[in-house]
Amino acid sequence: GSTSVMDADEDQWRWMWETNVLGTL
């Protein structure tokens, strides 16, 4: 995705944090 903070899709955020951050951890 490519959205503003106000239009953020929480499912997209979860995927990005799971993949990039928690995956690395």
mmCIF file of all heavy atoms, coordinates in Angstrom:
data_MODEL
# 
_entry.id   MODEL 
# 
loop_
_atom_site.group_PDB 
_atom_site.id 
_atom_site.type_symbol 
_atom_site.label_atom_id 
_atom_site.label_alt_id 
_atom_site.label_comp_id 
_atom_site.label_asym_id 
_atom_site.label_entity_id 
_atom_site.label_seq_id 
_atom_site.pdbx_PDB_ins_code 
_atom_site.Cartn_x 
_atom_site.Cartn_y 
_atom_site.Cartn_z 
_atom_site.occupancy 
_atom_site.B_iso_or_equiv 
_atom_site.pdbx_formal_charge 
_atom_site.auth_seq_id 
_atom_site.auth_comp_id 
_atom_site.auth_asym_id 
_atom_site.auth_atom_id 
_atom_site.pdbx_PDB_model_num 
ATOM 1   N N   . GLY A 1 1  ? 0.785  -1.218  0.000  1.00 0.00 ? 1  GLY A N   1 
ATOM 2   C CA  . GLY A 1 1  ? 0.000  0.000   0.000  1.00 0.00 ? 1  GLY A CA  1 
ATOM 3   C C   . GLY A 1 1  ? 0.822  1.275   0.000  1.00 0.00 ? 1  GLY A C   1 
ATOM 4   O O   . GLY A 1 1  ? 2.030  1.272   0.215  1.00 0.00 ? 1  GLY A O   1 
ATOM 5   N N   . SER A 1 2  ? 0.130  2.371   -0.249 1.00 0.00 ? 2  SER A N   1 
ATOM 6   C CA  . SER A 1 2  ? 0.741  3.701   -0.251 1.00 0.00 ? 2  SER A CA  1 
ATOM 7   C C   . SER A 1 2  ? -0.348 4.695   0.131  1.00 0.00 ? 2  SER A C   1 
ATOM 8   O O   . SER A 1 2  ? -1.008 5.290   -0.720 1.00 0.00 ? 2  SER A O   1 
ATOM 9   C CB  . SER A 1 2  ? 1.318  4.022   -1.635 1.00 0.00 ? 2  SER A CB  1 
ATOM 10  O OG  . SER A 1 2  ? 1.879  5.308   -1.657 1.00 0.00 ? 2  SER A OG  1 
ATOM 11  N N   . THR A 1 3  ? -0.552 4.848   1.435  1.00 0.00 ? 3  THR A N   1 
ATOM 12  C CA  . THR A 1 3  ? -1.638 5.685   1.929  1.00 0.00 ? 3  THR A CA  1 
ATOM 13  C C   . THR A 1 3  ? -1.136 6.637   2.997  1.00 0.00 ? 3  THR A C   1 
ATOM 14  O O   . THR A 1 3  ? -0.083 6.416   3.611  1.00 0.00 ? 3  THR A O   1 
ATOM 15  C CB  . THR A 1 3  ? -2.772 4.829   2.528  1.00 0.00 ? 3  THR A CB  1 
ATOM 16  O OG1 . THR A 1 3  ? -2.238 4.050   3.615  1.00 0.00 ? 3  THR A OG1 1 
ATOM 17  C CG2 . THR A 1 3  ? -3.364 3.884   1.497  1.00 0.00 ? 3  THR A CG2 1 
ATOM 18  N N   . SER A 1 4  ? -1.913 7.650   3.236  1.00 0.00 ? 4  SER A N   1 
ATOM 19  C CA  . SER A 1 4  ? -1.586 8.584   4.312  1.00 0.00 ? 4  SER A CA  1 
ATOM 20  C C   . SER A 1 4  ? -1.793 7.911   5.666  1.00 0.00 ? 4  SER A C   1 
ATOM 21  O O   . SER A 1 4  ? -2.434 6.849   5.762  1.00 0.00 ? 4  SER A O   1 
ATOM 22  C CB  . SER A 1 4  ? -2.479 9.822   4.223  1.00 0.00 ? 4  SER A CB  1 
ATOM 23  O OG  . SER A 1 4  ? -3.823 9.476   4.554  1.00 0.00 ? 4  SER A OG  1 
ATOM 24  N N   . VAL A 1 5  ? -1.289 8.535   6.699  1.00 0.00 ? 5  VAL A N   1 
ATOM 25  C CA  . VAL A 1 5  ? -1.492 8.017   8.052  1.00 0.00 ? 5  VAL A CA  1 
ATOM 26  C C   . VAL A 1 5  ? -2.982 7.926   8.359  1.00 0.00 ? 5  VAL A C   1 
ATOM 27  O O   . VAL A 1 5  ? -3.464 6.933   8.924  1.00 0.00 ? 5  VAL A O   1 
ATOM 28  C CB  . VAL A 1 5  ? -0.785 8.922   9.087  1.00 0.00 ? 5  VAL A CB  1 
ATOM 29  C CG1 . VAL A 1 5  ? -1.157 8.503   10.505 1.00 0.00 ? 5  VAL A CG1 1 
ATOM 30  C CG2 . VAL A 1 5  ? 0.731  8.871   8.908  1.00 0.00 ? 5  VAL A CG2 1 
ATOM 31  N N   . MET A 1 6  ? -3.732 8.940   7.973  1.00 0.00 ? 6  MET A N   1 
ATOM 32  C CA  . MET A 1 6  ? -5.156 8.969   8.288  1.00 0.00 ? 6  MET A CA  1 
ATOM 33  C C   . MET A 1 6  ? -5.941 7.882   7.555  1.00 0.00 ? 6  MET A C   1 
ATOM 34  O O   . MET A 1 6  ? -7.003 7.458   8.007  1.00 0.00 ? 6  MET A O   1 
ATOM 35  C CB  . MET A 1 6  ? -5.740 10.342  7.966  1.00 0.00 ? 6  MET A CB  1 
ATOM 36  C CG  . MET A 1 6  ? -5.096 11.476  8.774  1.00 0.00 ? 6  MET A CG  1 
ATOM 37  S SD  . MET A 1 6  ? -5.160 11.194  10.562 1.00 0.00 ? 6  MET A SD  1 
ATOM 38  C CE  . MET A 1 6  ? -6.923 11.333  10.848 1.00 0.00 ? 6  MET A CE  1 
ATOM 39  N N   . ASP A 1 7  ? -5.409 7.442   6.409  1.00 0.00 ? 7  ASP A N   1 
ATOM 40  C CA  . ASP A 1 7  ? -6.095 6.407   5.629  1.00 0.00 ? 7  ASP A CA  1 
ATOM 41  C C   . ASP A 1 7  ? -5.436 5.033   5.790  1.00 0.00 ? 7  ASP A C   1 
ATOM 42  O O   . ASP A 1 7  ? -5.705 4.114   5.003  1.00 0.00 ? 7  ASP A O   1 
ATOM 43  C CB  . ASP A 1 7  ? -6.098 6.787   4.138  1.00 0.00 ? 7  ASP A CB  1 
ATOM 44  C CG  . ASP A 1 7  ? -6.957 8.011   3.859  1.00 0.00 ? 7  ASP A CG  1 
ATOM 45  O OD1 . ASP A 1 7  ? -7.972 8.183   4.547  1.00 0.00 ? 7  ASP A OD1 1 
ATOM 46  O OD2 . ASP A 1 7  ? -6.590 8.785   2.952  1.00 0.00 ? 7  ASP A OD2 1 
ATOM 47  N N   . ALA A 1 8  ? -4.607 4.886   6.804  1.00 0.00 ? 8  ALA A N   1 
ATOM 48  C CA  . ALA A 1 8  ? -3.833 3.651   6.970  1.00 0.00 ? 8  ALA A CA  1 
ATOM 49  C C   . ALA A 1 8  ? -4.728 2.422   7.070  1.00 0.00 ? 8  ALA A C   1 
ATOM 50  O O   . ALA A 1 8  ? -5.762 2.442   7.739  1.00 0.00 ? 8  ALA A O   1 
ATOM 51  C CB  . ALA A 1 8  ? -2.962 3.759   8.216  1.00 0.00 ? 8  ALA A CB  1 
ATOM 52  N N   . ASP A 1 9  ? -4.291 1.376   6.390  1.00 0.00 ? 9  ASP A N   1 
ATOM 53  C CA  . ASP A 1 9  ? -4.953 0.071   6.455  1.00 0.00 ? 9  ASP A CA  1 
ATOM 54  C C   . ASP A 1 9  ? -4.202 -0.753  7.498  1.00 0.00 ? 9  ASP A C   1 
ATOM 55  O O   . ASP A 1 9  ? -3.047 -1.130  7.288  1.00 0.00 ? 9  ASP A O   1 
ATOM 56  C CB  . ASP A 1 9  ? -4.888 -0.595  5.072  1.00 0.00 ? 9  ASP A CB  1 
ATOM 57  C CG  . ASP A 1 9  ? -5.584 -1.939  5.036  1.00 0.00 ? 9  ASP A CG  1 
ATOM 58  O OD1 . ASP A 1 9  ? -5.469 -2.714  6.014  1.00 0.00 ? 9  ASP A OD1 1 
ATOM 59  O OD2 . ASP A 1 9  ? -6.221 -2.236  4.008  1.00 0.00 ? 9  ASP A OD2 1 
ATOM 60  N N   . GLU A 1 10 ? -4.834 -1.049  8.615  1.00 0.00 ? 10 GLU A N   1 
ATOM 61  C CA  . GLU A 1 10 ? -4.138 -1.719  9.716  1.00 0.00 ? 10 GLU A CA  1 
ATOM 62  C C   . GLU A 1 10 ? -3.670 -3.130  9.337  1.00 0.00 ? 10 GLU A C   1 
ATOM 63  O O   . GLU A 1 10 ? -2.637 -3.591  9.832  1.00 0.00 ? 10 GLU A O   1 
ATOM 64  C CB  . GLU A 1 10 ? -5.010 -1.762  10.968 1.00 0.00 ? 10 GLU A CB  1 
ATOM 65  C CG  . GLU A 1 10 ? -5.206 -0.392  11.600 1.00 0.00 ? 10 GLU A CG  1 
ATOM 66  C CD  . GLU A 1 10 ? -5.821 -0.472  12.991 1.00 0.00 ? 10 GLU A CD  1 
ATOM 67  O OE1 . GLU A 1 10 ? -5.875 -1.572  13.568 1.00 0.00 ? 10 GLU A OE1 1 
ATOM 68  O OE2 . GLU A 1 10 ? -6.242 0.593   13.488 1.00 0.00 ? 10 GLU A OE2 1 
ATOM 69  N N   . ASP A 1 11 ? -4.391 -3.801  8.469  1.00 0.00 ? 11 ASP A N   1 
ATOM 70  C CA  . ASP A 1 11 ? -3.948 -5.128  8.039  1.00 0.00 ? 11 ASP A CA  1 
ATOM 71  C C   . ASP A 1 11 ? -2.641 -5.038  7.252  1.00 0.00 ? 11 ASP A C   1 
ATOM 72  O O   . ASP A 1 11 ? -1.755 -5.893  7.399  1.00 0.00 ? 11 ASP A O   1 
ATOM 73  C CB  . ASP A 1 11 ? -5.026 -5.800  7.195  1.00 0.00 ? 11 ASP A CB  1 
ATOM 74  C CG  . ASP A 1 11 ? -6.207 -6.272  8.032  1.00 0.00 ? 11 ASP A CG  1 
ATOM 75  O OD1 . ASP A 1 11 ? -6.033 -6.474  9.255  1.00 0.00 ? 11 ASP A OD1 1 
ATOM 76  O OD2 . ASP A 1 11 ? -7.313 -6.422  7.469  1.00 0.00 ? 11 ASP A OD2 1 
ATOM 77  N N   . GLN A 1 12 ? -2.526 -4.002  6.417  1.00 0.00 ? 12 GLN A N   1 
ATOM 78  C CA  . GLN A 1 12 ? -1.276 -3.808  5.684  1.00 0.00 ? 12 GLN A CA  1 
ATOM 79  C C   . GLN A 1 12 ? -0.131 -3.497  6.648  1.00 0.00 ? 12 GLN A C   1 
ATOM 80  O O   . GLN A 1 12 ? 0.979  -4.008  6.498  1.00 0.00 ? 12 GLN A O   1 
ATOM 81  C CB  . GLN A 1 12 ? -1.427 -2.682  4.664  1.00 0.00 ? 12 GLN A CB  1 
ATOM 82  C CG  . GLN A 1 12 ? -2.330 -3.028  3.497  1.00 0.00 ? 12 GLN A CG  1 
ATOM 83  C CD  . GLN A 1 12 ? -2.457 -1.905  2.500  1.00 0.00 ? 12 GLN A CD  1 
ATOM 84  O OE1 . GLN A 1 12 ? -2.160 -0.739  2.797  1.00 0.00 ? 12 GLN A OE1 1 
ATOM 85  N NE2 . GLN A 1 12 ? -2.913 -2.238  1.294  1.00 0.00 ? 12 GLN A NE2 1 
ATOM 86  N N   . TRP A 1 13 ? -0.413 -2.670  7.631  1.00 0.00 ? 13 TRP A N   1 
ATOM 87  C CA  . TRP A 1 13 ? 0.615  -2.352  8.633  1.00 0.00 ? 13 TRP A CA  1 
ATOM 88  C C   . TRP A 1 13 ? 1.048  -3.616  9.375  1.00 0.00 ? 13 TRP A C   1 
ATOM 89  O O   . TRP A 1 13 ? 2.231  -3.834  9.592  1.00 0.00 ? 13 TRP A O   1 
ATOM 90  C CB  . TRP A 1 13 ? 0.076  -1.319  9.631  1.00 0.00 ? 13 TRP A CB  1 
ATOM 91  C CG  . TRP A 1 13 ? 0.197  0.106   9.165  1.00 0.00 ? 13 TRP A CG  1 
ATOM 92  C CD1 . TRP A 1 13 ? -0.329 0.641   8.035  1.00 0.00 ? 13 TRP A CD1 1 
ATOM 93  C CD2 . TRP A 1 13 ? 0.890  1.162   9.834  1.00 0.00 ? 13 TRP A CD2 1 
ATOM 94  N NE1 . TRP A 1 13 ? -0.022 1.980   7.958  1.00 0.00 ? 13 TRP A NE1 1 
ATOM 95  C CE2 . TRP A 1 13 ? 0.724  2.337   9.053  1.00 0.00 ? 13 TRP A CE2 1 
ATOM 96  C CE3 . TRP A 1 13 ? 1.603  1.249   11.022 1.00 0.00 ? 13 TRP A CE3 1 
ATOM 97  C CZ2 . TRP A 1 13 ? 1.274  3.553   9.411  1.00 0.00 ? 13 TRP A CZ2 1 
ATOM 98  C CZ3 . TRP A 1 13 ? 2.152  2.473   11.392 1.00 0.00 ? 13 TRP A CZ3 1 
ATOM 99  C CH2 . TRP A 1 13 ? 1.992  3.611   10.588 1.00 0.00 ? 13 TRP A CH2 1 
ATOM 100 N N   . ARG A 1 14 ? 0.101  -4.436  9.786  1.00 0.00 ? 14 ARG A N   1 
ATOM 101 C CA  . ARG A 1 14 ? 0.439  -5.673  10.511 1.00 0.00 ? 14 ARG A CA  1 
ATOM 102 C C   . ARG A 1 14 ? 1.348  -6.562  9.673  1.00 0.00 ? 14 ARG A C   1 
ATOM 103 O O   . ARG A 1 14 ? 2.321  -7.127  10.173 1.00 0.00 ? 14 ARG A O   1 
ATOM 104 C CB  . ARG A 1 14 ? -0.831 -6.434  10.901 1.00 0.00 ? 14 ARG A CB  1 
ATOM 105 C CG  . ARG A 1 14 ? -1.616 -5.806  12.031 1.00 0.00 ? 14 ARG A CG  1 
ATOM 106 C CD  . ARG A 1 14 ? -2.739 -6.711  12.512 1.00 0.00 ? 14 ARG A CD  1 
ATOM 107 N NE  . ARG A 1 14 ? -3.600 -5.987  13.439 1.00 0.00 ? 14 ARG A NE  1 
ATOM 108 C CZ  . ARG A 1 14 ? -4.698 -5.337  13.089 1.00 0.00 ? 14 ARG A CZ  1 
ATOM 109 N NH1 . ARG A 1 14 ? -5.098 -5.343  11.828 1.00 0.00 ? 14 ARG A NH1 1 
ATOM 110 N NH2 . ARG A 1 14 ? -5.417 -4.687  13.987 1.00 0.00 ? 14 ARG A NH2 1 
ATOM 111 N N   . TRP A 1 15 ? 1.008  -6.697  8.399  1.00 0.00 ? 15 TRP A N   1 
ATOM 112 C CA  . TRP A 1 15 ? 1.821  -7.536  7.515  1.00 0.00 ? 15 TRP A CA  1 
ATOM 113 C C   . TRP A 1 15 ? 3.241  -6.983  7.413  1.00 0.00 ? 15 TRP A C   1 
ATOM 114 O O   . TRP A 1 15 ? 4.214  -7.735  7.482  1.00 0.00 ? 15 TRP A O   1 
ATOM 115 C CB  . TRP A 1 15 ? 1.188  -7.616  6.126  1.00 0.00 ? 15 TRP A CB  1 
ATOM 116 C CG  . TRP A 1 15 ? 1.942  -8.536  5.201  1.00 0.00 ? 15 TRP A CG  1 
ATOM 117 C CD1 . TRP A 1 15 ? 1.774  -9.879  5.047  1.00 0.00 ? 15 TRP A CD1 1 
ATOM 118 C CD2 . TRP A 1 15 ? 3.010  -8.148  4.314  1.00 0.00 ? 15 TRP A CD2 1 
ATOM 119 N NE1 . TRP A 1 15 ? 2.668  -10.367 4.119  1.00 0.00 ? 15 TRP A NE1 1 
ATOM 120 C CE2 . TRP A 1 15 ? 3.442  -9.330  3.654  1.00 0.00 ? 15 TRP A CE2 1 
ATOM 121 C CE3 . TRP A 1 15 ? 3.638  -6.937  4.016  1.00 0.00 ? 15 TRP A CE3 1 
ATOM 122 C CZ2 . TRP A 1 15 ? 4.470  -9.323  2.713  1.00 0.00 ? 15 TRP A CZ2 1 
ATOM 123 C CZ3 . TRP A 1 15 ? 4.664  -6.936  3.080  1.00 0.00 ? 15 TRP A CZ3 1 
ATOM 124 C CH2 . TRP A 1 15 ? 5.077  -8.113  2.433  1.00 0.00 ? 15 TRP A CH2 1 
ATOM 125 N N   . MET A 1 16 ? 3.366  -5.670  7.249  1.00 0.00 ? 16 MET A N   1 
ATOM 126 C CA  . MET A 1 16 ? 4.704  -5.065  7.106  1.00 0.00 ? 16 MET A CA  1 
ATOM 127 C C   . MET A 1 16 ? 5.526  -5.204  8.374  1.00 0.00 ? 16 MET A C   1 
ATOM 128 O O   . MET A 1 16 ? 6.733  -5.468  8.326  1.00 0.00 ? 16 MET A O   1 
ATOM 129 C CB  . MET A 1 16 ? 4.572  -3.593  6.682  1.00 0.00 ? 16 MET A CB  1 
ATOM 130 C CG  . MET A 1 16 ? 4.161  -3.428  5.233  1.00 0.00 ? 16 MET A CG  1 
ATOM 131 S SD  . MET A 1 16 ? 4.126  -1.708  4.658  1.00 0.00 ? 16 MET A SD  1 
ATOM 132 C CE  . MET A 1 16 ? 2.508  -1.182  5.207  1.00 0.00 ? 16 MET A CE  1 
ATOM 133 N N   . TRP A 1 17 ? 4.890  -5.037  9.523  1.00 0.00 ? 17 TRP A N   1 
ATOM 134 C CA  . TRP A 1 17 ? 5.625  -5.175  10.779 1.00 0.00 ? 17 TRP A CA  1 
ATOM 135 C C   . TRP A 1 17 ? 5.959  -6.638  11.055 1.00 0.00 ? 17 TRP A C   1 
ATOM 136 O O   . TRP A 1 17 ? 7.053  -6.953  11.531 1.00 0.00 ? 17 TRP A O   1 
ATOM 137 C CB  . TRP A 1 17 ? 4.816  -4.551  11.925 1.00 0.00 ? 17 TRP A CB  1 
ATOM 138 C CG  . TRP A 1 17 ? 5.028  -3.067  11.987 1.00 0.00 ? 17 TRP A CG  1 
ATOM 139 C CD1 . TRP A 1 17 ? 4.538  -2.142  11.119 1.00 0.00 ? 17 TRP A CD1 1 
ATOM 140 C CD2 . TRP A 1 17 ? 5.830  -2.344  12.922 1.00 0.00 ? 17 TRP A CD2 1 
ATOM 141 N NE1 . TRP A 1 17 ? 4.973  -0.876  11.473 1.00 0.00 ? 17 TRP A NE1 1 
ATOM 142 C CE2 . TRP A 1 17 ? 5.769  -0.981  12.579 1.00 0.00 ? 17 TRP A CE2 1 
ATOM 143 C CE3 . TRP A 1 17 ? 6.580  -2.727  14.032 1.00 0.00 ? 17 TRP A CE3 1 
ATOM 144 C CZ2 . TRP A 1 17 ? 6.447  0.005   13.286 1.00 0.00 ? 17 TRP A CZ2 1 
ATOM 145 C CZ3 . TRP A 1 17 ? 7.248  -1.743  14.753 1.00 0.00 ? 17 TRP A CZ3 1 
ATOM 146 C CH2 . TRP A 1 17 ? 7.179  -0.393  14.371 1.00 0.00 ? 17 TRP A CH2 1 
ATOM 147 N N   . GLU A 1 18 ? 5.040  -7.538  10.755 1.00 0.00 ? 18 GLU A N   1 
ATOM 148 C CA  . GLU A 1 18 ? 5.321  -8.968  10.934 1.00 0.00 ? 18 GLU A CA  1 
ATOM 149 C C   . GLU A 1 18 ? 6.475  -9.409  10.036 1.00 0.00 ? 18 GLU A C   1 
ATOM 150 O O   . GLU A 1 18 ? 7.354  -10.154 10.463 1.00 0.00 ? 18 GLU A O   1 
ATOM 151 C CB  . GLU A 1 18 ? 4.070  -9.804  10.605 1.00 0.00 ? 18 GLU A CB  1 
ATOM 152 C CG  . GLU A 1 18 ? 3.063  -9.874  11.725 1.00 0.00 ? 18 GLU A CG  1 
ATOM 153 C CD  . GLU A 1 18 ? 3.433  -10.892 12.798 1.00 0.00 ? 18 GLU A CD  1 
ATOM 154 O OE1 . GLU A 1 18 ? 4.370  -11.686 12.586 1.00 0.00 ? 18 GLU A OE1 1 
ATOM 155 O OE2 . GLU A 1 18 ? 2.776  -10.883 13.852 1.00 0.00 ? 18 GLU A OE2 1 
ATOM 156 N N   . THR A 1 19 ? 6.447  -8.976  8.791  1.00 0.00 ? 19 THR A N   1 
ATOM 157 C CA  . THR A 1 19 ? 7.437  -9.434  7.815  1.00 0.00 ? 19 THR A CA  1 
ATOM 158 C C   . THR A 1 19 ? 8.804  -8.803  8.038  1.00 0.00 ? 19 THR A C   1 
ATOM 159 O O   . THR A 1 19 ? 9.824  -9.498  8.077  1.00 0.00 ? 19 THR A O   1 
ATOM 160 C CB  . THR A 1 19 ? 6.943  -9.125  6.385  1.00 0.00 ? 19 THR A CB  1 
ATOM 161 O OG1 . THR A 1 19 ? 5.658  -9.701  6.201  1.00 0.00 ? 19 THR A OG1 1 
ATOM 162 C CG2 . THR A 1 19 ? 7.903  -9.688  5.356  1.00 0.00 ? 19 THR A CG2 1 
ATOM 163 N N   . ASN A 1 20 ? 8.838  -7.491  8.180  1.00 0.00 ? 20 ASN A N   1 
ATOM 164 C CA  . ASN A 1 20 ? 10.110 -6.780  8.265  1.00 0.00 ? 20 ASN A CA  1 
ATOM 165 C C   . ASN A 1 20 ? 10.732 -6.815  9.657  1.00 0.00 ? 20 ASN A C   1 
ATOM 166 O O   . ASN A 1 20 ? 11.945 -7.005  9.791  1.00 0.00 ? 20 ASN A O   1 
ATOM 167 C CB  . ASN A 1 20 ? 9.919  -5.318  7.836  1.00 0.00 ? 20 ASN A CB  1 
ATOM 168 C CG  . ASN A 1 20 ? 9.543  -5.179  6.374  1.00 0.00 ? 20 ASN A CG  1 
ATOM 169 O OD1 . ASN A 1 20 ? 10.371 -5.301  5.490  1.00 0.00 ? 20 ASN A OD1 1 
ATOM 170 N ND2 . ASN A 1 20 ? 8.264  -4.933  6.109  1.00 0.00 ? 20 ASN A ND2 1 
ATOM 171 N N   . VAL A 1 21 ? 9.915  -6.649  10.675 1.00 0.00 ? 21 VAL A N   1 
ATOM 172 C CA  . VAL A 1 21 ? 10.449 -6.488  12.038 1.00 0.00 ? 21 VAL A CA  1 
ATOM 173 C C   . VAL A 1 21 ? 10.454 -7.813  12.794 1.00 0.00 ? 21 VAL A C   1 
ATOM 174 O O   . VAL A 1 21 ? 11.512 -8.325  13.180 1.00 0.00 ? 21 VAL A O   1 
ATOM 175 C CB  . VAL A 1 21 ? 9.649  -5.423  12.826 1.00 0.00 ? 21 VAL A CB  1 
ATOM 176 C CG1 . VAL A 1 21 ? 10.329 -5.160  14.177 1.00 0.00 ? 21 VAL A CG1 1 
ATOM 177 C CG2 . VAL A 1 21 ? 9.533  -4.136  12.027 1.00 0.00 ? 21 VAL A CG2 1 
ATOM 178 N N   . LEU A 1 22 ? 9.283  -8.379  13.010 1.00 0.00 ? 22 LEU A N   1 
ATOM 179 C CA  . LEU A 1 22 ? 9.217  -9.611  13.787 1.00 0.00 ? 22 LEU A CA  1 
ATOM 180 C C   . LEU A 1 22 ? 9.864  -10.775 13.043 1.00 0.00 ? 22 LEU A C   1 
ATOM 181 O O   . LEU A 1 22 ? 10.452 -11.670 13.665 1.00 0.00 ? 22 LEU A O   1 
ATOM 182 C CB  . LEU A 1 22 ? 7.768  -9.933  14.151 1.00 0.00 ? 22 LEU A CB  1 
ATOM 183 C CG  . LEU A 1 22 ? 7.123  -8.931  15.113 1.00 0.00 ? 22 LEU A CG  1 
ATOM 184 C CD1 . LEU A 1 22 ? 5.665  -9.278  15.355 1.00 0.00 ? 22 LEU A CD1 1 
ATOM 185 C CD2 . LEU A 1 22 ? 7.876  -8.887  16.432 1.00 0.00 ? 22 LEU A CD2 1 
ATOM 186 N N   . GLY A 1 23 ? 9.782  -10.768 11.723 1.00 0.00 ? 23 GLY A N   1 
ATOM 187 C CA  . GLY A 1 23 ? 10.462 -11.800 10.952 1.00 0.00 ? 23 GLY A CA  1 
ATOM 188 C C   . GLY A 1 23 ? 11.959 -11.770 11.174 1.00 0.00 ? 23 GLY A C   1 
ATOM 189 O O   . GLY A 1 23 ? 12.601 -12.815 11.366 1.00 0.00 ? 23 GLY A O   1 
ATOM 190 N N   . THR A 1 24 ? 12.535 -10.573 11.160 1.00 0.00 ? 24 THR A N   1 
ATOM 191 C CA  . THR A 1 24 ? 13.966 -10.429 11.427 1.00 0.00 ? 24 THR A CA  1 
ATOM 192 C C   . THR A 1 24 ? 14.290 -10.863 12.852 1.00 0.00 ? 24 THR A C   1 
ATOM 193 O O   . THR A 1 24 ? 15.278 -11.574 13.096 1.00 0.00 ? 24 THR A O   1 
ATOM 194 C CB  . THR A 1 24 ? 14.399 -8.969  11.203 1.00 0.00 ? 24 THR A CB  1 
ATOM 195 O OG1 . THR A 1 24 ? 14.186 -8.633  9.825  1.00 0.00 ? 24 THR A OG1 1 
ATOM 196 C CG2 . THR A 1 24 ? 15.864 -8.762  11.544 1.00 0.00 ? 24 THR A CG2 1 
ATOM 197 N N   . LEU A 1 25 ? 13.471 -10.457 13.806 1.00 0.00 ? 25 LEU A N   1 
ATOM 198 C CA  . LEU A 1 25 ? 13.673 -10.858 15.200 1.00 0.00 ? 25 LEU A CA  1 
ATOM 199 C C   . LEU A 1 25 ? 13.693 -12.378 15.325 1.00 0.00 ? 25 LEU A C   1 
ATOM 200 O O   . LEU A 1 25 ? 14.573 -12.955 15.976 1.00 0.00 ? 25 LEU A O   1 
ATOM 201 C CB  . LEU A 1 25 ? 12.566 -10.273 16.072 1.00 0.00 ? 25 LEU A CB  1 
ATOM 202 C CG  . LEU A 1 25 ? 12.479 -10.796 17.507 1.00 0.00 ? 25 LEU A CG  1 
ATOM 203 C CD1 . LEU A 1 25 ? 13.724 -10.438 18.293 1.00 0.00 ? 25 LEU A CD1 1 
ATOM 204 C CD2 . LEU A 1 25 ? 11.226 -10.270 18.199 1.00 0.00 ? 25 LEU A CD2 1 
# 
